[in-house]
Amino acid sequence: RQYISTAGSTGTTQIDISLDGLPKVMV
């Protein structure tokens, strides 16, 4: 897991996260 939004919160957030140089991305 590279990112998880805060449970219980709402709204919009800008993210800039590492994916560790791996070929698969999951949302």
mmCIF file of all heavy atoms, coordinates in Angstrom:
data_MODEL
# 
_entry.id   MODEL 
# 
loop_
_atom_site.group_PDB 
_atom_site.id 
_atom_site.type_symbol 
_atom_site.label_atom_id 
_atom_site.label_alt_id 
_atom_site.label_comp_id 
_atom_site.label_asym_id 
_atom_site.label_entity_id 
_atom_site.label_seq_id 
_atom_site.pdbx_PDB_ins_code 
_atom_site.Cartn_x 
_atom_site.Cartn_y 
_atom_site.Cartn_z 
_atom_site.occupancy 
_atom_site.B_iso_or_equiv 
_atom_site.pdbx_formal_charge 
_atom_site.auth_seq_id 
_atom_site.auth_comp_id 
_atom_site.auth_asym_id 
_atom_site.auth_atom_id 
_atom_site.pdbx_PDB_model_num 
ATOM 1   N N   . ARG A 1 1  ? 0.834   -1.194 0.000   1.00 0.00 ? 1  ARG A N   1 
ATOM 2   C CA  . ARG A 1 1  ? 0.000   0.000  0.000   1.00 0.00 ? 1  ARG A CA  1 
ATOM 3   C C   . ARG A 1 1  ? 0.878   1.257  0.000   1.00 0.00 ? 1  ARG A C   1 
ATOM 4   O O   . ARG A 1 1  ? 1.762   1.413  0.819   1.00 0.00 ? 1  ARG A O   1 
ATOM 5   C CB  . ARG A 1 1  ? -0.910  0.009  1.223   1.00 0.00 ? 1  ARG A CB  1 
ATOM 6   C CG  . ARG A 1 1  ? -1.965  1.094  1.180   1.00 0.00 ? 1  ARG A CG  1 
ATOM 7   C CD  . ARG A 1 1  ? -2.993  0.896  2.270   1.00 0.00 ? 1  ARG A CD  1 
ATOM 8   N NE  . ARG A 1 1  ? -2.430  1.123  3.588   1.00 0.00 ? 1  ARG A NE  1 
ATOM 9   C CZ  . ARG A 1 1  ? -3.013  0.757  4.719   1.00 0.00 ? 1  ARG A CZ  1 
ATOM 10  N NH1 . ARG A 1 1  ? -4.151  0.089  4.689   1.00 0.00 ? 1  ARG A NH1 1 
ATOM 11  N NH2 . ARG A 1 1  ? -2.444  1.010  5.878   1.00 0.00 ? 1  ARG A NH2 1 
ATOM 12  N N   . GLN A 1 2  ? 0.600   2.154  -0.946  1.00 0.00 ? 2  GLN A N   1 
ATOM 13  C CA  . GLN A 1 2  ? 1.356   3.393  -1.068  1.00 0.00 ? 2  GLN A CA  1 
ATOM 14  C C   . GLN A 1 2  ? 0.585   4.599  -0.533  1.00 0.00 ? 2  GLN A C   1 
ATOM 15  O O   . GLN A 1 2  ? 1.176   5.621  -0.198  1.00 0.00 ? 2  GLN A O   1 
ATOM 16  C CB  . GLN A 1 2  ? 1.726   3.639  -2.537  1.00 0.00 ? 2  GLN A CB  1 
ATOM 17  C CG  . GLN A 1 2  ? 2.421   2.487  -3.215  1.00 0.00 ? 2  GLN A CG  1 
ATOM 18  C CD  . GLN A 1 2  ? 3.781   2.194  -2.614  1.00 0.00 ? 2  GLN A CD  1 
ATOM 19  O OE1 . GLN A 1 2  ? 4.308   2.969  -1.838  1.00 0.00 ? 2  GLN A OE1 1 
ATOM 20  N NE2 . GLN A 1 2  ? 4.350   1.043  -2.966  1.00 0.00 ? 2  GLN A NE2 1 
ATOM 21  N N   . TYR A 1 3  ? -0.742  4.476  -0.481  1.00 0.00 ? 3  TYR A N   1 
ATOM 22  C CA  . TYR A 1 3  ? -1.554  5.609  -0.014  1.00 0.00 ? 3  TYR A CA  1 
ATOM 23  C C   . TYR A 1 3  ? -2.912  5.099  0.451   1.00 0.00 ? 3  TYR A C   1 
ATOM 24  O O   . TYR A 1 3  ? -3.470  4.165  -0.126  1.00 0.00 ? 3  TYR A O   1 
ATOM 25  C CB  . TYR A 1 3  ? -1.770  6.614  -1.144  1.00 0.00 ? 3  TYR A CB  1 
ATOM 26  C CG  . TYR A 1 3  ? -2.780  7.693  -0.820  1.00 0.00 ? 3  TYR A CG  1 
ATOM 27  C CD1 . TYR A 1 3  ? -2.411  8.825  -0.097  1.00 0.00 ? 3  TYR A CD1 1 
ATOM 28  C CD2 . TYR A 1 3  ? -4.107  7.569  -1.219  1.00 0.00 ? 3  TYR A CD2 1 
ATOM 29  C CE1 . TYR A 1 3  ? -3.343  9.805  0.217   1.00 0.00 ? 3  TYR A CE1 1 
ATOM 30  C CE2 . TYR A 1 3  ? -5.042  8.544  -0.911  1.00 0.00 ? 3  TYR A CE2 1 
ATOM 31  C CZ  . TYR A 1 3  ? -4.649  9.664  -0.190  1.00 0.00 ? 3  TYR A CZ  1 
ATOM 32  O OH  . TYR A 1 3  ? -5.575  10.617 0.123   1.00 0.00 ? 3  TYR A OH  1 
ATOM 33  N N   . ILE A 1 4  ? -3.450  5.701  1.517   1.00 0.00 ? 4  ILE A N   1 
ATOM 34  C CA  . ILE A 1 4  ? -4.839  5.492  1.903   1.00 0.00 ? 4  ILE A CA  1 
ATOM 35  C C   . ILE A 1 4  ? -5.369  6.803  2.449   1.00 0.00 ? 4  ILE A C   1 
ATOM 36  O O   . ILE A 1 4  ? -4.672  7.508  3.180   1.00 0.00 ? 4  ILE A O   1 
ATOM 37  C CB  . ILE A 1 4  ? -5.001  4.349  2.933   1.00 0.00 ? 4  ILE A CB  1 
ATOM 38  C CG1 . ILE A 1 4  ? -6.495  4.074  3.164   1.00 0.00 ? 4  ILE A CG1 1 
ATOM 39  C CG2 . ILE A 1 4  ? -4.277  4.654  4.236   1.00 0.00 ? 4  ILE A CG2 1 
ATOM 40  C CD1 . ILE A 1 4  ? -6.781  2.800  3.945   1.00 0.00 ? 4  ILE A CD1 1 
ATOM 41  N N   . SER A 1 5  ? -6.583  7.178  2.040   1.00 0.00 ? 5  SER A N   1 
ATOM 42  C CA  . SER A 1 5  ? -7.190  8.410  2.544   1.00 0.00 ? 5  SER A CA  1 
ATOM 43  C C   . SER A 1 5  ? -7.676  8.181  3.975   1.00 0.00 ? 5  SER A C   1 
ATOM 44  O O   . SER A 1 5  ? -7.946  7.062  4.390   1.00 0.00 ? 5  SER A O   1 
ATOM 45  C CB  . SER A 1 5  ? -8.348  8.839  1.646   1.00 0.00 ? 5  SER A CB  1 
ATOM 46  O OG  . SER A 1 5  ? -9.313  7.820  1.544   1.00 0.00 ? 5  SER A OG  1 
ATOM 47  N N   . THR A 1 6  ? -7.807  9.263  4.708   1.00 0.00 ? 6  THR A N   1 
ATOM 48  C CA  . THR A 1 6  ? -8.175  9.167  6.118   1.00 0.00 ? 6  THR A CA  1 
ATOM 49  C C   . THR A 1 6  ? -9.624  8.707  6.263   1.00 0.00 ? 6  THR A C   1 
ATOM 50  O O   . THR A 1 6  ? -10.537 9.305  5.694   1.00 0.00 ? 6  THR A O   1 
ATOM 51  C CB  . THR A 1 6  ? -8.006  10.525 6.815   1.00 0.00 ? 6  THR A CB  1 
ATOM 52  O OG1 . THR A 1 6  ? -6.657  10.967 6.629   1.00 0.00 ? 6  THR A OG1 1 
ATOM 53  C CG2 . THR A 1 6  ? -8.310  10.422 8.294   1.00 0.00 ? 6  THR A CG2 1 
ATOM 54  N N   . ALA A 1 7  ? -9.843  7.636  7.022   1.00 0.00 ? 7  ALA A N   1 
ATOM 55  C CA  . ALA A 1 7  ? -11.188 7.115  7.236   1.00 0.00 ? 7  ALA A CA  1 
ATOM 56  C C   . ALA A 1 7  ? -12.056 8.162  7.932   1.00 0.00 ? 7  ALA A C   1 
ATOM 57  O O   . ALA A 1 7  ? -11.617 8.832  8.870   1.00 0.00 ? 7  ALA A O   1 
ATOM 58  C CB  . ALA A 1 7  ? -11.129 5.853  8.068   1.00 0.00 ? 7  ALA A CB  1 
ATOM 59  N N   . GLY A 1 8  ? -13.295 8.328  7.465   1.00 0.00 ? 8  GLY A N   1 
ATOM 60  C CA  . GLY A 1 8  ? -14.234 9.254  8.075   1.00 0.00 ? 8  GLY A CA  1 
ATOM 61  C C   . GLY A 1 8  ? -14.182 10.666 7.540   1.00 0.00 ? 8  GLY A C   1 
ATOM 62  O O   . GLY A 1 8  ? -15.099 11.445 7.766   1.00 0.00 ? 8  GLY A O   1 
ATOM 63  N N   . SER A 1 9  ? -13.123 11.018 6.805   1.00 0.00 ? 9  SER A N   1 
ATOM 64  C CA  . SER A 1 9  ? -13.004 12.385 6.279   1.00 0.00 ? 9  SER A CA  1 
ATOM 65  C C   . SER A 1 9  ? -13.662 12.503 4.914   1.00 0.00 ? 9  SER A C   1 
ATOM 66  O O   . SER A 1 9  ? -13.944 11.512 4.254   1.00 0.00 ? 9  SER A O   1 
ATOM 67  C CB  . SER A 1 9  ? -11.532 12.787 6.181   1.00 0.00 ? 9  SER A CB  1 
ATOM 68  O OG  . SER A 1 9  ? -10.880 11.977 5.205   1.00 0.00 ? 9  SER A OG  1 
ATOM 69  N N   . THR A 1 10 ? -13.927 13.734 4.479   1.00 0.00 ? 10 THR A N   1 
ATOM 70  C CA  . THR A 1 10 ? -14.462 14.005 3.145   1.00 0.00 ? 10 THR A CA  1 
ATOM 71  C C   . THR A 1 10 ? -13.686 15.163 2.530   1.00 0.00 ? 10 THR A C   1 
ATOM 72  O O   . THR A 1 10 ? -12.919 15.845 3.211   1.00 0.00 ? 10 THR A O   1 
ATOM 73  C CB  . THR A 1 10 ? -15.955 14.367 3.206   1.00 0.00 ? 10 THR A CB  1 
ATOM 74  O OG1 . THR A 1 10 ? -16.115 15.548 4.016   1.00 0.00 ? 10 THR A OG1 1 
ATOM 75  C CG2 . THR A 1 10 ? -16.779 13.235 3.785   1.00 0.00 ? 10 THR A CG2 1 
ATOM 76  N N   . GLY A 1 11 ? -13.920 15.390 1.209   1.00 0.00 ? 11 GLY A N   1 
ATOM 77  C CA  . GLY A 1 11 ? -13.283 16.511 0.530   1.00 0.00 ? 11 GLY A CA  1 
ATOM 78  C C   . GLY A 1 11 ? -12.263 16.059 -0.491  1.00 0.00 ? 11 GLY A C   1 
ATOM 79  O O   . GLY A 1 11 ? -12.149 14.873 -0.819  1.00 0.00 ? 11 GLY A O   1 
ATOM 80  N N   . THR A 1 12 ? -11.489 17.009 -1.030  1.00 0.00 ? 12 THR A N   1 
ATOM 81  C CA  . THR A 1 12 ? -10.479 16.735 -2.046  1.00 0.00 ? 12 THR A CA  1 
ATOM 82  C C   . THR A 1 12 ? -9.080  16.935 -1.478  1.00 0.00 ? 12 THR A C   1 
ATOM 83  O O   . THR A 1 12 ? -8.863  17.774 -0.604  1.00 0.00 ? 12 THR A O   1 
ATOM 84  C CB  . THR A 1 12 ? -10.665 17.638 -3.276  1.00 0.00 ? 12 THR A CB  1 
ATOM 85  O OG1 . THR A 1 12 ? -10.573 19.011 -2.865  1.00 0.00 ? 12 THR A OG1 1 
ATOM 86  C CG2 . THR A 1 12 ? -12.009 17.394 -3.922  1.00 0.00 ? 12 THR A CG2 1 
ATOM 87  N N   . THR A 1 13 ? -8.138  16.140 -2.012  1.00 0.00 ? 13 THR A N   1 
ATOM 88  C CA  . THR A 1 13 ? -6.747  16.188 -1.559  1.00 0.00 ? 13 THR A CA  1 
ATOM 89  C C   . THR A 1 13 ? -5.826  16.009 -2.759  1.00 0.00 ? 13 THR A C   1 
ATOM 90  O O   . THR A 1 13 ? -6.086  15.161 -3.622  1.00 0.00 ? 13 THR A O   1 
ATOM 91  C CB  . THR A 1 13 ? -6.454  15.063 -0.542  1.00 0.00 ? 13 THR A CB  1 
ATOM 92  O OG1 . THR A 1 13 ? -7.386  15.141 0.532   1.00 0.00 ? 13 THR A OG1 1 
ATOM 93  C CG2 . THR A 1 13 ? -5.039  15.178 0.012   1.00 0.00 ? 13 THR A CG2 1 
ATOM 94  N N   . GLN A 1 14 ? -4.744  16.797 -2.836  1.00 0.00 ? 14 GLN A N   1 
ATOM 95  C CA  . GLN A 1 14 ? -3.724  16.610 -3.856  1.00 0.00 ? 14 GLN A CA  1 
ATOM 96  C C   . GLN A 1 14 ? -2.686  15.620 -3.317  1.00 0.00 ? 14 GLN A C   1 
ATOM 97  O O   . GLN A 1 14 ? -2.220  15.771 -2.185  1.00 0.00 ? 14 GLN A O   1 
ATOM 98  C CB  . GLN A 1 14 ? -3.032  17.938 -4.187  1.00 0.00 ? 14 GLN A CB  1 
ATOM 99  C CG  . GLN A 1 14 ? -3.982  19.056 -4.564  1.00 0.00 ? 14 GLN A CG  1 
ATOM 100 C CD  . GLN A 1 14 ? -4.742  18.762 -5.837  1.00 0.00 ? 14 GLN A CD  1 
ATOM 101 O OE1 . GLN A 1 14 ? -4.176  18.260 -6.807  1.00 0.00 ? 14 GLN A OE1 1 
ATOM 102 N NE2 . GLN A 1 14 ? -6.019  19.085 -5.841  1.00 0.00 ? 14 GLN A NE2 1 
ATOM 103 N N   . ILE A 1 15 ? -2.341  14.604 -4.113  1.00 0.00 ? 15 ILE A N   1 
ATOM 104 C CA  . ILE A 1 15 ? -1.358  13.622 -3.669  1.00 0.00 ? 15 ILE A CA  1 
ATOM 105 C C   . ILE A 1 15 ? -0.180  13.556 -4.634  1.00 0.00 ? 15 ILE A C   1 
ATOM 106 O O   . ILE A 1 15 ? -0.312  13.821 -5.830  1.00 0.00 ? 15 ILE A O   1 
ATOM 107 C CB  . ILE A 1 15 ? -1.976  12.214 -3.502  1.00 0.00 ? 15 ILE A CB  1 
ATOM 108 C CG1 . ILE A 1 15 ? -2.502  11.684 -4.841  1.00 0.00 ? 15 ILE A CG1 1 
ATOM 109 C CG2 . ILE A 1 15 ? -3.074  12.236 -2.453  1.00 0.00 ? 15 ILE A CG2 1 
ATOM 110 C CD1 . ILE A 1 15 ? -2.927  10.216 -4.776  1.00 0.00 ? 15 ILE A CD1 1 
ATOM 111 N N   . ASP A 1 16 ? 0.979   13.209 -4.109  1.00 0.00 ? 16 ASP A N   1 
ATOM 112 C CA  . ASP A 1 16 ? 2.196   12.955 -4.879  1.00 0.00 ? 16 ASP A CA  1 
ATOM 113 C C   . ASP A 1 16 ? 2.885   11.807 -4.157  1.00 0.00 ? 16 ASP A C   1 
ATOM 114 O O   . ASP A 1 16 ? 3.511   12.004 -3.115  1.00 0.00 ? 16 ASP A O   1 
ATOM 115 C CB  . ASP A 1 16 ? 3.077   14.202 -4.917  1.00 0.00 ? 16 ASP A CB  1 
ATOM 116 C CG  . ASP A 1 16 ? 4.291   14.036 -5.825  1.00 0.00 ? 16 ASP A CG  1 
ATOM 117 O OD1 . ASP A 1 16 ? 4.676   12.889 -6.102  1.00 0.00 ? 16 ASP A OD1 1 
ATOM 118 O OD2 . ASP A 1 16 ? 4.868   15.059 -6.243  1.00 0.00 ? 16 ASP A OD2 1 
ATOM 119 N N   . ILE A 1 17 ? 2.753   10.576 -4.673  1.00 0.00 ? 17 ILE A N   1 
ATOM 120 C CA  . ILE A 1 17 ? 3.181   9.391  -3.941  1.00 0.00 ? 17 ILE A CA  1 
ATOM 121 C C   . ILE A 1 17 ? 4.160   8.560  -4.757  1.00 0.00 ? 17 ILE A C   1 
ATOM 122 O O   . ILE A 1 17 ? 4.143   8.579  -5.983  1.00 0.00 ? 17 ILE A O   1 
ATOM 123 C CB  . ILE A 1 17 ? 1.982   8.506  -3.539  1.00 0.00 ? 17 ILE A CB  1 
ATOM 124 C CG1 . ILE A 1 17 ? 1.219   8.037  -4.776  1.00 0.00 ? 17 ILE A CG1 1 
ATOM 125 C CG2 . ILE A 1 17 ? 1.062   9.255  -2.577  1.00 0.00 ? 17 ILE A CG2 1 
ATOM 126 C CD1 . ILE A 1 17 ? 0.121   7.030  -4.471  1.00 0.00 ? 17 ILE A CD1 1 
ATOM 127 N N   . SER A 1 18 ? 5.016   7.817  -4.070  1.00 0.00 ? 18 SER A N   1 
ATOM 128 C CA  . SER A 1 18 ? 5.956   6.904  -4.710  1.00 0.00 ? 18 SER A CA  1 
ATOM 129 C C   . SER A 1 18 ? 5.252   5.607  -5.075  1.00 0.00 ? 18 SER A C   1 
ATOM 130 O O   . SER A 1 18 ? 4.383   5.122  -4.357  1.00 0.00 ? 18 SER A O   1 
ATOM 131 C CB  . SER A 1 18 ? 7.120   6.609  -3.765  1.00 0.00 ? 18 SER A CB  1 
ATOM 132 O OG  . SER A 1 18 ? 7.929   5.560  -4.276  1.00 0.00 ? 18 SER A OG  1 
ATOM 133 N N   . LEU A 1 19 ? 5.631   5.022  -6.231  1.00 0.00 ? 19 LEU A N   1 
ATOM 134 C CA  . LEU A 1 19 ? 5.141   3.710  -6.641  1.00 0.00 ? 19 LEU A CA  1 
ATOM 135 C C   . LEU A 1 19 ? 6.270   2.682  -6.698  1.00 0.00 ? 19 LEU A C   1 
ATOM 136 O O   . LEU A 1 19 ? 6.104   1.583  -7.225  1.00 0.00 ? 19 LEU A O   1 
ATOM 137 C CB  . LEU A 1 19 ? 4.439   3.806  -7.996  1.00 0.00 ? 19 LEU A CB  1 
ATOM 138 C CG  . LEU A 1 19 ? 3.183   4.687  -8.018  1.00 0.00 ? 19 LEU A CG  1 
ATOM 139 C CD1 . LEU A 1 19 ? 2.637   4.805  -9.435  1.00 0.00 ? 19 LEU A CD1 1 
ATOM 140 C CD2 . LEU A 1 19 ? 2.113   4.152  -7.085  1.00 0.00 ? 19 LEU A CD2 1 
ATOM 141 N N   . ASP A 1 20 ? 7.444   3.035  -6.204  1.00 0.00 ? 20 ASP A N   1 
ATOM 142 C CA  . ASP A 1 20 ? 8.576   2.115  -6.008  1.00 0.00 ? 20 ASP A CA  1 
ATOM 143 C C   . ASP A 1 20 ? 9.111   1.488  -7.289  1.00 0.00 ? 20 ASP A C   1 
ATOM 144 O O   . ASP A 1 20 ? 9.725   0.428  -7.251  1.00 0.00 ? 20 ASP A O   1 
ATOM 145 C CB  . ASP A 1 20 ? 8.191   0.991  -5.029  1.00 0.00 ? 20 ASP A CB  1 
ATOM 146 C CG  . ASP A 1 20 ? 8.020   1.508  -3.598  1.00 0.00 ? 20 ASP A CG  1 
ATOM 147 O OD1 . ASP A 1 20 ? 8.503   2.620  -3.324  1.00 0.00 ? 20 ASP A OD1 1 
ATOM 148 O OD2 . ASP A 1 20 ? 7.414   0.804  -2.787  1.00 0.00 ? 20 ASP A OD2 1 
ATOM 149 N N   . GLY A 1 21 ? 8.876   2.106  -8.451  1.00 0.00 ? 21 GLY A N   1 
ATOM 150 C CA  . GLY A 1 21 ? 9.407   1.550  -9.688  1.00 0.00 ? 21 GLY A CA  1 
ATOM 151 C C   . GLY A 1 21 ? 8.822   0.216  -10.069 1.00 0.00 ? 21 GLY A C   1 
ATOM 152 O O   . GLY A 1 21 ? 9.492   -0.615 -10.691 1.00 0.00 ? 21 GLY A O   1 
ATOM 153 N N   . LEU A 1 22 ? 7.534   -0.015 -9.711  1.00 0.00 ? 22 LEU A N   1 
ATOM 154 C CA  . LEU A 1 22 ? 6.879   -1.291 -9.992  1.00 0.00 ? 22 LEU A CA  1 
ATOM 155 C C   . LEU A 1 22 ? 5.881   -1.147 -11.142 1.00 0.00 ? 22 LEU A C   1 
ATOM 156 O O   . LEU A 1 22 ? 5.306   -0.076 -11.336 1.00 0.00 ? 22 LEU A O   1 
ATOM 157 C CB  . LEU A 1 22 ? 6.160   -1.798 -8.735  1.00 0.00 ? 22 LEU A CB  1 
ATOM 158 C CG  . LEU A 1 22 ? 7.081   -2.048 -7.529  1.00 0.00 ? 22 LEU A CG  1 
ATOM 159 C CD1 . LEU A 1 22 ? 6.270   -2.443 -6.306  1.00 0.00 ? 22 LEU A CD1 1 
ATOM 160 C CD2 . LEU A 1 22 ? 8.119   -3.107 -7.849  1.00 0.00 ? 22 LEU A CD2 1 
ATOM 161 N N   . PRO A 1 23 ? 5.633   -2.220 -11.922 1.00 0.00 ? 23 PRO A N   1 
ATOM 162 C CA  . PRO A 1 23 ? 4.818   -2.096 -13.143 1.00 0.00 ? 23 PRO A CA  1 
ATOM 163 C C   . PRO A 1 23 ? 3.317   -2.139 -12.929 1.00 0.00 ? 23 PRO A C   1 
ATOM 164 O O   . PRO A 1 23 ? 2.568   -1.901 -13.860 1.00 0.00 ? 23 PRO A O   1 
ATOM 165 C CB  . PRO A 1 23 ? 5.272   -3.283 -13.991 1.00 0.00 ? 23 PRO A CB  1 
ATOM 166 C CG  . PRO A 1 23 ? 5.715   -4.299 -12.993 1.00 0.00 ? 23 PRO A CG  1 
ATOM 167 C CD  . PRO A 1 23 ? 6.319   -3.532 -11.858 1.00 0.00 ? 23 PRO A CD  1 
ATOM 168 N N   . LYS A 1 24 ? 2.839   -2.479 -11.718 1.00 0.00 ? 24 LYS A N   1 
ATOM 169 C CA  . LYS A 1 24 ? 1.400   -2.570 -11.492 1.00 0.00 ? 24 LYS A CA  1 
ATOM 170 C C   . LYS A 1 24 ? 0.941   -1.465 -10.548 1.00 0.00 ? 24 LYS A C   1 
ATOM 171 O O   . LYS A 1 24 ? 1.537   -1.227 -9.509  1.00 0.00 ? 24 LYS A O   1 
ATOM 172 C CB  . LYS A 1 24 ? 1.035   -3.927 -10.890 1.00 0.00 ? 24 LYS A CB  1 
ATOM 173 C CG  . LYS A 1 24 ? -0.476  -4.121 -10.733 1.00 0.00 ? 24 LYS A CG  1 
ATOM 174 C CD  . LYS A 1 24 ? -0.783  -5.519 -10.241 1.00 0.00 ? 24 LYS A CD  1 
ATOM 175 C CE  . LYS A 1 24 ? -2.280  -5.762 -10.178 1.00 0.00 ? 24 LYS A CE  1 
ATOM 176 N NZ  . LYS A 1 24 ? -2.600  -7.117 -9.707  1.00 0.00 ? 24 LYS A NZ  1 
ATOM 177 N N   . VAL A 1 25 ? -0.160  -0.788 -10.947 1.00 0.00 ? 25 VAL A N   1 
ATOM 178 C CA  . VAL A 1 25 ? -0.788  0.236  -10.118 1.00 0.00 ? 25 VAL A CA  1 
ATOM 179 C C   . VAL A 1 25 ? -2.218  -0.191 -9.854  1.00 0.00 ? 25 VAL A C   1 
ATOM 180 O O   . VAL A 1 25 ? -2.941  -0.571 -10.773 1.00 0.00 ? 25 VAL A O   1 
ATOM 181 C CB  . VAL A 1 25 ? -0.791  1.607  -10.831 1.00 0.00 ? 25 VAL A CB  1 
ATOM 182 C CG1 . VAL A 1 25 ? -1.421  2.664  -9.931  1.00 0.00 ? 25 VAL A CG1 1 
ATOM 183 C CG2 . VAL A 1 25 ? 0.609   2.012  -11.233 1.00 0.00 ? 25 VAL A CG2 1 
ATOM 184 N N   . MET A 1 26 ? -2.653  -0.152 -8.582  1.00 0.00 ? 26 MET A N   1 
ATOM 185 C CA  . MET A 1 26 ? -4.012  -0.516 -8.213  1.00 0.00 ? 26 MET A CA  1 
ATOM 186 C C   . MET A 1 26 ? -4.681  0.653  -7.498  1.00 0.00 ? 26 MET A C   1 
ATOM 187 O O   . MET A 1 26 ? -4.095  1.273  -6.617  1.00 0.00 ? 26 MET A O   1 
ATOM 188 C CB  . MET A 1 26 ? -4.009  -1.736 -7.278  1.00 0.00 ? 26 MET A CB  1 
ATOM 189 C CG  . MET A 1 26 ? -3.405  -2.973 -7.883  1.00 0.00 ? 26 MET A CG  1 
ATOM 190 S SD  . MET A 1 26 ? -3.305  -4.315 -6.668  1.00 0.00 ? 26 MET A SD  1 
ATOM 191 C CE  . MET A 1 26 ? -5.044  -4.527 -6.288  1.00 0.00 ? 26 MET A CE  1 
ATOM 192 N N   . VAL A 1 27 ? -5.920  0.960  -7.888  1.00 0.00 ? 27 VAL A N   1 
ATOM 193 C CA  . VAL A 1 27 ? -6.735  1.995  -7.248  1.00 0.00 ? 27 VAL A CA  1 
ATOM 194 C C   . VAL A 1 27 ? -7.960  1.301  -6.663  1.00 0.00 ? 27 VAL A C   1 
ATOM 195 O O   . VAL A 1 27 ? -8.735  0.688  -7.397  1.00 0.00 ? 27 VAL A O   1 
ATOM 196 C CB  . VAL A 1 27 ? -7.147  3.077  -8.260  1.00 0.00 ? 27 VAL A CB  1 
ATOM 197 C CG1 . VAL A 1 27 ? -8.049  4.114  -7.606  1.00 0.00 ? 27 VAL A CG1 1 
ATOM 198 C CG2 . VAL A 1 27 ? -5.906  3.742  -8.859  1.00 0.00 ? 27 VAL A CG2 1 
# 
